[in-house]
PDB file of all heavy atoms in Angstrom:
ATOM      1  N   LEU A   1     -10.508  -1.451 -11.790  1.00  0.00           N
ATOM      2  CA  LEU A   1      -9.417  -2.375 -12.113  1.00  0.00           C
ATOM      3  C   LEU A   1      -9.934  -3.804 -12.274  1.00  0.00           C
ATOM      4  O   LEU A   1      -9.443  -4.567 -13.111  1.00  0.00           O
ATOM      5  CB  LEU A   1      -8.341  -2.316 -11.032  1.00  0.00           C
ATOM      6  CG  LEU A   1      -7.611  -0.975 -10.895  1.00  0.00           C
ATOM      7  CD1 LEU A   1      -6.647  -1.008  -9.725  1.00  0.00           C
ATOM      8  CD2 LEU A   1      -6.871  -0.620 -12.183  1.00  0.00           C
ATOM      9  N   LYS A   2     -10.919  -4.167 -11.468  1.00  0.00           N
ATOM     10  CA  LYS A   2     -11.531  -5.489 -11.601  1.00  0.00           C
ATOM     11  C   LYS A   2     -12.278  -5.603 -12.923  1.00  0.00           C
ATOM     12  O   LYS A   2     -12.184  -6.627 -13.619  1.00  0.00           O
ATOM     13  CB  LYS A   2     -12.482  -5.739 -10.428  1.00  0.00           C
ATOM     14  CG  LYS A   2     -13.291  -7.027 -10.531  1.00  0.00           C
ATOM     15  CD  LYS A   2     -12.412  -8.267 -10.491  1.00  0.00           C
ATOM     16  CE  LYS A   2     -13.251  -9.535 -10.474  1.00  0.00           C
ATOM     17  NZ  LYS A   2     -12.406 -10.754 -10.461  1.00  0.00           N
ATOM     18  N   GLU A   3     -13.008  -4.569 -13.276  1.00  0.00           N
ATOM     19  CA  GLU A   3     -13.820  -4.606 -14.491  1.00  0.00           C
ATOM     20  C   GLU A   3     -12.974  -4.755 -15.752  1.00  0.00           C
ATOM     21  O   GLU A   3     -13.402  -5.384 -16.721  1.00  0.00           O
ATOM     22  CB  GLU A   3     -14.668  -3.328 -14.588  1.00  0.00           C
ATOM     23  CG  GLU A   3     -15.828  -3.272 -13.600  1.00  0.00           C
ATOM     24  CD  GLU A   3     -16.873  -4.343 -13.897  1.00  0.00           C
ATOM     25  OE1 GLU A   3     -17.397  -4.358 -15.024  1.00  0.00           O
ATOM     26  OE2 GLU A   3     -17.130  -5.187 -13.010  1.00  0.00           O
ATOM     27  N   ILE A   4     -11.779  -4.180 -15.760  1.00  0.00           N
ATOM     28  CA  ILE A   4     -10.956  -4.251 -16.969  1.00  0.00           C
ATOM     29  C   ILE A   4     -10.182  -5.561 -17.067  1.00  0.00           C
ATOM     30  O   ILE A   4      -9.502  -5.801 -18.071  1.00  0.00           O
ATOM     31  CB  ILE A   4      -9.977  -3.058 -17.054  1.00  0.00           C
ATOM     32  CG1 ILE A   4      -8.947  -3.114 -15.913  1.00  0.00           C
ATOM     33  CG2 ILE A   4     -10.739  -1.747 -17.043  1.00  0.00           C
ATOM     34  CD1 ILE A   4      -7.939  -1.982 -15.968  1.00  0.00           C
ATOM     35  N   GLY A   5     -10.258  -6.416 -16.045  1.00  0.00           N
ATOM     36  CA  GLY A   5      -9.613  -7.724 -16.121  1.00  0.00           C
ATOM     37  C   GLY A   5      -8.164  -7.744 -15.697  1.00  0.00           C
ATOM     38  O   GLY A   5      -7.376  -8.578 -16.180  1.00  0.00           O
ATOM     39  N   LEU A   6      -7.801  -6.836 -14.796  1.00  0.00           N
ATOM     40  CA  LEU A   6      -6.432  -6.820 -14.285  1.00  0.00           C
ATOM     41  C   LEU A   6      -6.099  -8.148 -13.611  1.00  0.00           C
ATOM     42  O   LEU A   6      -6.896  -8.681 -12.846  1.00  0.00           O
ATOM     43  CB  LEU A   6      -6.272  -5.670 -13.289  1.00  0.00           C
ATOM     44  CG  LEU A   6      -4.866  -5.141 -13.052  1.00  0.00           C
ATOM     45  CD1 LEU A   6      -4.375  -4.365 -14.267  1.00  0.00           C
ATOM     46  CD2 LEU A   6      -4.850  -4.241 -11.826  1.00  0.00           C
ATOM     47  N   SER A   7      -4.916  -8.686 -13.881  1.00  0.00           N
ATOM     48  CA  SER A   7      -4.552 -10.000 -13.346  1.00  0.00           C
ATOM     49  C   SER A   7      -4.069  -9.951 -11.908  1.00  0.00           C
ATOM     50  O   SER A   7      -4.291 -10.888 -11.138  1.00  0.00           O
ATOM     51  CB  SER A   7      -3.456 -10.641 -14.219  1.00  0.00           C
ATOM     52  OG  SER A   7      -3.939 -10.907 -15.517  1.00  0.00           O
ATOM     53  N   TYR A   8      -3.405  -8.850 -11.537  1.00  0.00           N
ATOM     54  CA  TYR A   8      -2.755  -8.823 -10.222  1.00  0.00           C
ATOM     55  C   TYR A   8      -2.387  -7.394  -9.863  1.00  0.00           C
ATOM     56  O   TYR A   8      -2.029  -6.584 -10.729  1.00  0.00           O
ATOM     57  CB  TYR A   8      -1.494  -9.694 -10.253  1.00  0.00           C
ATOM     58  CG  TYR A   8      -0.661  -9.675  -8.988  1.00  0.00           C
ATOM     59  CD1 TYR A   8      -1.105 -10.304  -7.828  1.00  0.00           C
ATOM     60  CD2 TYR A   8       0.572  -9.030  -8.949  1.00  0.00           C
ATOM     61  CE1 TYR A   8      -0.340 -10.280  -6.662  1.00  0.00           C
ATOM     62  CE2 TYR A   8       1.346  -9.011  -7.799  1.00  0.00           C
ATOM     63  CZ  TYR A   8       0.877  -9.637  -6.655  1.00  0.00           C
ATOM     64  OH  TYR A   8       1.634  -9.616  -5.510  1.00  0.00           O
ATOM     65  N   VAL A   9      -2.463  -7.093  -8.574  1.00  0.00           N
ATOM     66  CA  VAL A   9      -2.015  -5.808  -8.043  1.00  0.00           C
ATOM     67  C   VAL A   9      -0.958  -6.080  -6.973  1.00  0.00           C
ATOM     68  O   VAL A   9      -1.239  -6.754  -5.978  1.00  0.00           O
ATOM     69  CB  VAL A   9      -3.183  -5.006  -7.428  1.00  0.00           C
ATOM     70  CG1 VAL A   9      -2.661  -3.741  -6.750  1.00  0.00           C
ATOM     71  CG2 VAL A   9      -4.212  -4.654  -8.499  1.00  0.00           C
ATOM     72  N   GLY A  10       0.256  -5.570  -7.178  1.00  0.00           N
ATOM     73  CA  GLY A  10       1.319  -5.683  -6.189  1.00  0.00           C
ATOM     74  C   GLY A  10       1.465  -4.366  -5.451  1.00  0.00           C
ATOM     75  O   GLY A  10       1.719  -3.321  -6.069  1.00  0.00           O
ATOM     76  N   ILE A  11       1.285  -4.396  -4.136  1.00  0.00           N
ATOM     77  CA  ILE A  11       1.318  -3.183  -3.314  1.00  0.00           C
ATOM     78  C   ILE A  11       2.570  -3.188  -2.448  1.00  0.00           C
ATOM     79  O   ILE A  11       2.848  -4.155  -1.735  1.00  0.00           O
ATOM     80  CB  ILE A  11       0.050  -3.072  -2.456  1.00  0.00           C
ATOM     81  CG1 ILE A  11      -1.169  -2.858  -3.380  1.00  0.00           C
ATOM     82  CG2 ILE A  11       0.164  -1.944  -1.440  1.00  0.00           C
ATOM     83  CD1 ILE A  11      -2.491  -2.702  -2.651  1.00  0.00           C
ATOM     84  N   SER A  12       3.315  -2.100  -2.511  1.00  0.00           N
ATOM     85  CA  SER A  12       4.592  -2.010  -1.804  1.00  0.00           C
ATOM     86  C   SER A  12       4.391  -1.633  -0.346  1.00  0.00           C
ATOM     87  O   SER A  12       3.767  -0.612  -0.034  1.00  0.00           O
ATOM     88  CB  SER A  12       5.494  -0.973  -2.479  1.00  0.00           C
ATOM     89  OG  SER A  12       5.811  -1.365  -3.799  1.00  0.00           O
ATOM     90  N   LEU A  13       4.923  -2.456   0.528  1.00  0.00           N
ATOM     91  CA  LEU A  13       5.030  -2.164   1.961  1.00  0.00           C
ATOM     92  C   LEU A  13       6.445  -2.537   2.390  1.00  0.00           C
ATOM     93  O   LEU A  13       6.897  -3.644   2.089  1.00  0.00           O
ATOM     94  CB  LEU A  13       4.024  -2.969   2.791  1.00  0.00           C
ATOM     95  CG  LEU A  13       2.570  -2.520   2.854  1.00  0.00           C
ATOM     96  CD1 LEU A  13       1.789  -3.470   3.762  1.00  0.00           C
ATOM     97  CD2 LEU A  13       2.440  -1.095   3.364  1.00  0.00           C
ATOM     98  N   ASP A  14       7.108  -1.658   3.088  1.00  0.00           N
ATOM     99  CA  ASP A  14       8.486  -1.931   3.492  1.00  0.00           C
ATOM    100  C   ASP A  14       8.628  -2.065   4.994  1.00  0.00           C
ATOM    101  O   ASP A  14       9.678  -1.757   5.574  1.00  0.00           O
ATOM    102  CB  ASP A  14       9.409  -0.842   2.953  1.00  0.00           C
ATOM    103  CG  ASP A  14       9.580  -0.970   1.449  1.00  0.00           C
ATOM    104  OD1 ASP A  14       9.975  -2.059   0.999  1.00  0.00           O
ATOM    105  OD2 ASP A  14       9.282  -0.006   0.730  1.00  0.00           O
ATOM    106  N   GLY A  15       7.572  -2.553   5.628  1.00  0.00           N
ATOM    107  CA  GLY A  15       7.590  -2.755   7.070  1.00  0.00           C
ATOM    108  C   GLY A  15       6.228  -2.433   7.641  1.00  0.00           C
ATOM    109  O   GLY A  15       5.278  -2.136   6.911  1.00  0.00           O
ATOM    110  N   MET A  16       6.143  -2.500   8.946  1.00  0.00           N
ATOM    111  CA  MET A  16       4.911  -2.095   9.599  1.00  0.00           C
ATOM    112  C   MET A  16       4.870  -0.564   9.643  1.00  0.00           C
ATOM    113  O   MET A  16       5.739   0.100   9.086  1.00  0.00           O
ATOM    114  CB  MET A  16       4.816  -2.742  10.976  1.00  0.00           C
ATOM    115  CG  MET A  16       4.956  -4.278  10.922  1.00  0.00           C
ATOM    116  SD  MET A  16       3.905  -5.070   9.660  1.00  0.00           S
ATOM    117  CE  MET A  16       2.297  -4.870  10.431  1.00  0.00           C
ATOM    118  N   GLU A  17       3.885  -0.001  10.326  1.00  0.00           N
ATOM    119  CA  GLU A  17       3.535   1.407  10.102  1.00  0.00           C
ATOM    120  C   GLU A  17       4.701   2.381  10.238  1.00  0.00           C
ATOM    121  O   GLU A  17       4.968   3.174   9.322  1.00  0.00           O
ATOM    122  CB  GLU A  17       2.403   1.810  11.047  1.00  0.00           C
ATOM    123  CG  GLU A  17       1.881   3.209  10.780  1.00  0.00           C
ATOM    124  CD  GLU A  17       0.575   3.489  11.497  1.00  0.00           C
ATOM    125  OE1 GLU A  17       0.120   2.632  12.290  1.00  0.00           O
ATOM    126  OE2 GLU A  17      -0.002   4.572  11.253  1.00  0.00           O
ATOM    127  N   ALA A  18       5.402   2.364  11.347  1.00  0.00           N
ATOM    128  CA  ALA A  18       6.446   3.366  11.577  1.00  0.00           C
ATOM    129  C   ALA A  18       7.574   3.255  10.554  1.00  0.00           C
ATOM    130  O   ALA A  18       8.019   4.262   9.976  1.00  0.00           O
ATOM    131  CB  ALA A  18       7.002   3.229  12.994  1.00  0.00           C
ATOM    132  N   VAL A  19       8.036   2.037  10.312  1.00  0.00           N
ATOM    133  CA  VAL A  19       9.146   1.833   9.379  1.00  0.00           C
ATOM    134  C   VAL A  19       8.697   2.116   7.951  1.00  0.00           C
ATOM    135  O   VAL A  19       9.398   2.788   7.179  1.00  0.00           O
ATOM    136  CB  VAL A  19       9.702   0.398   9.510  1.00  0.00           C
ATOM    137  CG1 VAL A  19      10.727   0.117   8.413  1.00  0.00           C
ATOM    138  CG2 VAL A  19      10.328   0.207  10.876  1.00  0.00           C
ATOM    139  N   ASN A  20       7.526   1.613   7.569  1.00  0.00           N
ATOM    140  CA  ASN A  20       7.041   1.840   6.218  1.00  0.00           C
ATOM    141  C   ASN A  20       6.901   3.336   5.919  1.00  0.00           C
ATOM    142  O   ASN A  20       7.338   3.816   4.870  1.00  0.00           O
ATOM    143  CB  ASN A  20       5.695   1.156   6.021  1.00  0.00           C
ATOM    144  CG  ASN A  20       5.130   1.387   4.625  1.00  0.00           C
ATOM    145  OD1 ASN A  20       5.533   0.740   3.671  1.00  0.00           O
ATOM    146  ND2 ASN A  20       4.196   2.318   4.508  1.00  0.00           N
ATOM    147  N   ASP A  21       6.283   4.076   6.834  1.00  0.00           N
ATOM    148  CA  ASP A  21       6.055   5.492   6.569  1.00  0.00           C
ATOM    149  C   ASP A  21       7.358   6.270   6.522  1.00  0.00           C
ATOM    150  O   ASP A  21       7.474   7.269   5.792  1.00  0.00           O
ATOM    151  CB  ASP A  21       5.113   6.076   7.616  1.00  0.00           C
ATOM    152  CG  ASP A  21       3.670   5.595   7.432  1.00  0.00           C
ATOM    153  OD1 ASP A  21       3.427   4.798   6.504  1.00  0.00           O
ATOM    154  OD2 ASP A  21       2.805   6.006   8.219  1.00  0.00           O
ATOM    155  N   ARG A  22       8.357   5.812   7.268  1.00  0.00           N
ATOM    156  CA  ARG A  22       9.675   6.432   7.157  1.00  0.00           C
ATOM    157  C   ARG A  22      10.240   6.205   5.763  1.00  0.00           C
ATOM    158  O   ARG A  22      10.789   7.120   5.142  1.00  0.00           O
ATOM    159  CB  ARG A  22      10.617   5.859   8.214  1.00  0.00           C
ATOM    160  CG  ARG A  22      12.049   6.382   8.111  1.00  0.00           C
ATOM    161  CD  ARG A  22      12.994   5.625   9.032  1.00  0.00           C
ATOM    162  NE  ARG A  22      14.376   6.026   8.830  1.00  0.00           N
ATOM    163  CZ  ARG A  22      15.420   5.355   9.306  1.00  0.00           C
ATOM    164  NH1 ARG A  22      15.231   4.254  10.012  1.00  0.00           N
ATOM    165  NH2 ARG A  22      16.646   5.775   9.080  1.00  0.00           N
ATOM    166  N   PHE A  23      10.123   4.982   5.250  1.00  0.00           N
ATOM    167  CA  PHE A  23      10.614   4.674   3.921  1.00  0.00           C
ATOM    168  C   PHE A  23       9.848   5.416   2.845  1.00  0.00           C
ATOM    169  O   PHE A  23      10.413   5.862   1.848  1.00  0.00           O
ATOM    170  CB  PHE A  23      10.514   3.164   3.660  1.00  0.00           C
ATOM    171  CG  PHE A  23      11.786   2.441   3.921  1.00  0.00           C
ATOM    172  CD1 PHE A  23      12.162   2.126   5.210  1.00  0.00           C
ATOM    173  CD2 PHE A  23      12.620   2.085   2.888  1.00  0.00           C
ATOM    174  CE1 PHE A  23      13.336   1.467   5.475  1.00  0.00           C
ATOM    175  CE2 PHE A  23      13.805   1.423   3.129  1.00  0.00           C
ATOM    176  CZ  PHE A  23      14.169   1.112   4.430  1.00  0.00           C
ATOM    177  N   ARG A  24       8.530   5.515   3.028  1.00  0.00           N
ATOM    178  CA  ARG A  24       7.672   6.112   2.010  1.00  0.00           C
ATOM    179  C   ARG A  24       7.679   7.634   2.058  1.00  0.00           C
ATOM    180  O   ARG A  24       7.216   8.275   1.126  1.00  0.00           O
ATOM    181  CB  ARG A  24       6.244   5.587   2.181  1.00  0.00           C
ATOM    182  CG  ARG A  24       6.144   4.080   2.019  1.00  0.00           C
ATOM    183  CD  ARG A  24       6.242   3.648   0.582  1.00  0.00           C
ATOM    184  NE  ARG A  24       6.801   2.308   0.435  1.00  0.00           N
ATOM    185  CZ  ARG A  24       7.123   1.770  -0.732  1.00  0.00           C
ATOM    186  NH1 ARG A  24       6.957   2.438  -1.837  1.00  0.00           N
ATOM    187  NH2 ARG A  24       7.638   0.566  -0.783  1.00  0.00           N
ATOM    188  N   GLY A  25       8.170   8.207   3.132  1.00  0.00           N
ATOM    189  CA  GLY A  25       8.329   9.650   3.198  1.00  0.00           C
ATOM    190  C   GLY A  25       7.067  10.431   3.456  1.00  0.00           C
ATOM    191  O   GLY A  25       7.084  11.668   3.401  1.00  0.00           O
ATOM    192  N   VAL A  26       5.939   9.735   3.737  1.00  0.00           N
ATOM    193  CA  VAL A  26       4.659  10.408   3.959  1.00  0.00           C
ATOM    194  C   VAL A  26       3.930   9.720   5.107  1.00  0.00           C
ATOM    195  O   VAL A  26       3.617   8.523   5.012  1.00  0.00           O
ATOM    196  CB  VAL A  26       3.777  10.386   2.692  1.00  0.00           C
ATOM    197  CG1 VAL A  26       2.406  10.990   2.980  1.00  0.00           C
ATOM    198  CG2 VAL A  26       4.461  11.136   1.549  1.00  0.00           C
ATOM    199  N   PRO A  27       3.634  10.431   6.184  1.00  0.00           N
ATOM    200  CA  PRO A  27       2.862   9.823   7.278  1.00  0.00           C
ATOM    201  C   PRO A  27       1.491   9.362   6.779  1.00  0.00           C
ATOM    202  O   PRO A  27       0.857  10.021   5.952  1.00  0.00           O
ATOM    203  CB  PRO A  27       2.720  10.973   8.283  1.00  0.00           C
ATOM    204  CG  PRO A  27       3.852  11.902   7.970  1.00  0.00           C
ATOM    205  CD  PRO A  27       4.046  11.815   6.485  1.00  0.00           C
ATOM    206  N   GLY A  28       1.041   8.218   7.278  1.00  0.00           N
ATOM    207  CA  GLY A  28      -0.250   7.678   6.878  1.00  0.00           C
ATOM    208  C   GLY A  28      -0.206   6.771   5.668  1.00  0.00           C
ATOM    209  O   GLY A  28      -1.219   6.172   5.301  1.00  0.00           O
ATOM    210  N   ALA A  29       0.973   6.631   5.036  1.00  0.00           N
ATOM    211  CA  ALA A  29       1.074   5.804   3.835  1.00  0.00           C
ATOM    212  C   ALA A  29       0.729   4.346   4.128  1.00  0.00           C
ATOM    213  O   ALA A  29       0.093   3.668   3.310  1.00  0.00           O
ATOM    214  CB  ALA A  29       2.482   5.902   3.247  1.00  0.00           C
ATOM    215  N   PHE A  30       1.126   3.856   5.302  1.00  0.00           N
ATOM    216  CA  PHE A  30       0.859   2.458   5.658  1.00  0.00           C
ATOM    217  C   PHE A  30      -0.643   2.197   5.747  1.00  0.00           C
ATOM    218  O   PHE A  30      -1.158   1.248   5.146  1.00  0.00           O
ATOM    219  CB  PHE A  30       1.535   2.130   6.989  1.00  0.00           C
ATOM    220  CG  PHE A  30       1.319   0.724   7.480  1.00  0.00           C
ATOM    221  CD1 PHE A  30       2.087  -0.317   6.988  1.00  0.00           C
ATOM    222  CD2 PHE A  30       0.353   0.443   8.438  1.00  0.00           C
ATOM    223  CE1 PHE A  30       1.904  -1.621   7.435  1.00  0.00           C
ATOM    224  CE2 PHE A  30       0.164  -0.851   8.900  1.00  0.00           C
ATOM    225  CZ  PHE A  30       0.931  -1.889   8.396  1.00  0.00           C
ATOM    226  N   ARG A  31      -1.342   3.036   6.476  1.00  0.00           N
ATOM    227  CA  ARG A  31      -2.782   2.820   6.655  1.00  0.00           C
ATOM    228  C   ARG A  31      -3.537   2.954   5.348  1.00  0.00           C
ATOM    229  O   ARG A  31      -4.483   2.196   5.080  1.00  0.00           O
ATOM    230  CB  ARG A  31      -3.323   3.795   7.697  1.00  0.00           C
ATOM    231  CG  ARG A  31      -2.752   3.551   9.099  1.00  0.00           C
ATOM    232  CD  ARG A  31      -3.412   4.410  10.144  1.00  0.00           C
ATOM    233  NE  ARG A  31      -2.818   4.181  11.458  1.00  0.00           N
ATOM    234  CZ  ARG A  31      -3.273   4.707  12.579  1.00  0.00           C
ATOM    235  NH1 ARG A  31      -4.345   5.491  12.558  1.00  0.00           N
ATOM    236  NH2 ARG A  31      -2.663   4.447  13.729  1.00  0.00           N
ATOM    237  N   ARG A  32      -3.118   3.886   4.525  1.00  0.00           N
ATOM    238  CA  ARG A  32      -3.779   4.043   3.221  1.00  0.00           C
ATOM    239  C   ARG A  32      -3.482   2.858   2.307  1.00  0.00           C
ATOM    240  O   ARG A  32      -4.343   2.445   1.524  1.00  0.00           O
ATOM    241  CB  ARG A  32      -3.342   5.351   2.583  1.00  0.00           C
ATOM    242  CG  ARG A  32      -3.892   6.582   3.315  1.00  0.00           C
ATOM    243  CD  ARG A  32      -3.229   7.854   2.832  1.00  0.00           C
ATOM    244  NE  ARG A  32      -3.496   8.100   1.418  1.00  0.00           N
ATOM    245  CZ  ARG A  32      -2.848   9.012   0.696  1.00  0.00           C
ATOM    246  NH1 ARG A  32      -1.870   9.732   1.252  1.00  0.00           N
ATOM    247  NH2 ARG A  32      -3.158   9.195  -0.574  1.00  0.00           N
ATOM    248  N   ALA A  33      -2.281   2.296   2.405  1.00  0.00           N
ATOM    249  CA  ALA A  33      -1.962   1.106   1.618  1.00  0.00           C
ATOM    250  C   ALA A  33      -2.821  -0.081   2.055  1.00  0.00           C
ATOM    251  O   ALA A  33      -3.304  -0.856   1.213  1.00  0.00           O
ATOM    252  CB  ALA A  33      -0.483   0.769   1.745  1.00  0.00           C
ATOM    253  N   LEU A  34      -3.020  -0.239   3.371  1.00  0.00           N
ATOM    254  CA  LEU A  34      -3.892  -1.315   3.855  1.00  0.00           C
ATOM    255  C   LEU A  34      -5.317  -1.125   3.365  1.00  0.00           C
ATOM    256  O   LEU A  34      -6.008  -2.104   3.029  1.00  0.00           O
ATOM    257  CB  LEU A  34      -3.864  -1.383   5.379  1.00  0.00           C
ATOM    258  CG  LEU A  34      -2.553  -1.802   6.051  1.00  0.00           C
ATOM    259  CD1 LEU A  34      -2.800  -2.114   7.527  1.00  0.00           C
ATOM    260  CD2 LEU A  34      -1.909  -2.992   5.362  1.00  0.00           C
ATOM    261  N   GLU A  35      -5.781   0.122   3.306  1.00  0.00           N
ATOM    262  CA  GLU A  35      -7.108   0.381   2.754  1.00  0.00           C
ATOM    263  C   GLU A  35      -7.162  -0.046   1.290  1.00  0.00           C
ATOM    264  O   GLU A  35      -8.159  -0.626   0.837  1.00  0.00           O
ATOM    265  CB  GLU A  35      -7.447   1.865   2.880  1.00  0.00           C
ATOM    266  CG  GLU A  35      -7.702   2.342   4.303  1.00  0.00           C
ATOM    267  CD  GLU A  35      -7.939   3.844   4.370  1.00  0.00           C
ATOM    268  OE1 GLU A  35      -8.094   4.465   3.287  1.00  0.00           O
ATOM    269  OE2 GLU A  35      -7.960   4.387   5.480  1.00  0.00           O
ATOM    270  N   GLY A  36      -6.097   0.233   0.547  1.00  0.00           N
ATOM    271  CA  GLY A  36      -6.033  -0.188  -0.850  1.00  0.00           C
ATOM    272  C   GLY A  36      -6.087  -1.694  -0.992  1.00  0.00           C
ATOM    273  O   GLY A  36      -6.748  -2.224  -1.896  1.00  0.00           O
ATOM    274  N   ILE A  37      -5.401  -2.401  -0.087  1.00  0.00           N
ATOM    275  CA  ILE A  37      -5.440  -3.869  -0.101  1.00  0.00           C
ATOM    276  C   ILE A  37      -6.861  -4.360   0.152  1.00  0.00           C
ATOM    277  O   ILE A  37      -7.376  -5.224  -0.567  1.00  0.00           O
ATOM    278  CB  ILE A  37      -4.475  -4.438   0.955  1.00  0.00           C
ATOM    279  CG1 ILE A  37      -3.020  -4.142   0.565  1.00  0.00           C
ATOM    280  CG2 ILE A  37      -4.682  -5.946   1.115  1.00  0.00           C
ATOM    281  CD1 ILE A  37      -2.022  -4.423   1.669  1.00  0.00           C
ATOM    282  N   ARG A  38      -7.502  -3.811   1.161  1.00  0.00           N
ATOM    283  CA  ARG A  38      -8.877  -4.233   1.488  1.00  0.00           C
ATOM    284  C   ARG A  38      -9.821  -3.927   0.332  1.00  0.00           C
ATOM    285  O   ARG A  38     -10.732  -4.727   0.035  1.00  0.00           O
ATOM    286  CB  ARG A  38      -9.344  -3.535   2.763  1.00  0.00           C
ATOM    287  CG  ARG A  38      -8.574  -3.963   4.012  1.00  0.00           C
ATOM    288  CD  ARG A  38      -9.197  -3.368   5.265  1.00  0.00           C
ATOM    289  NE  ARG A  38      -8.387  -3.660   6.449  1.00  0.00           N
ATOM    290  CZ  ARG A  38      -7.546  -2.800   7.002  1.00  0.00           C
ATOM    291  NH1 ARG A  38      -7.412  -1.572   6.501  1.00  0.00           N
ATOM    292  NH2 ARG A  38      -6.842  -3.140   8.072  1.00  0.00           N
TER     293      ARG A  38
END
């Protein structure tokens, strides 16, 4: 994504771990999203 010149990545989080994963419907979604941010 960096190589192609992407301007911005917006990552959805709807709370901290417990609340976010409830919203996202998949356990571990919060931690994987943080990995994506890093």
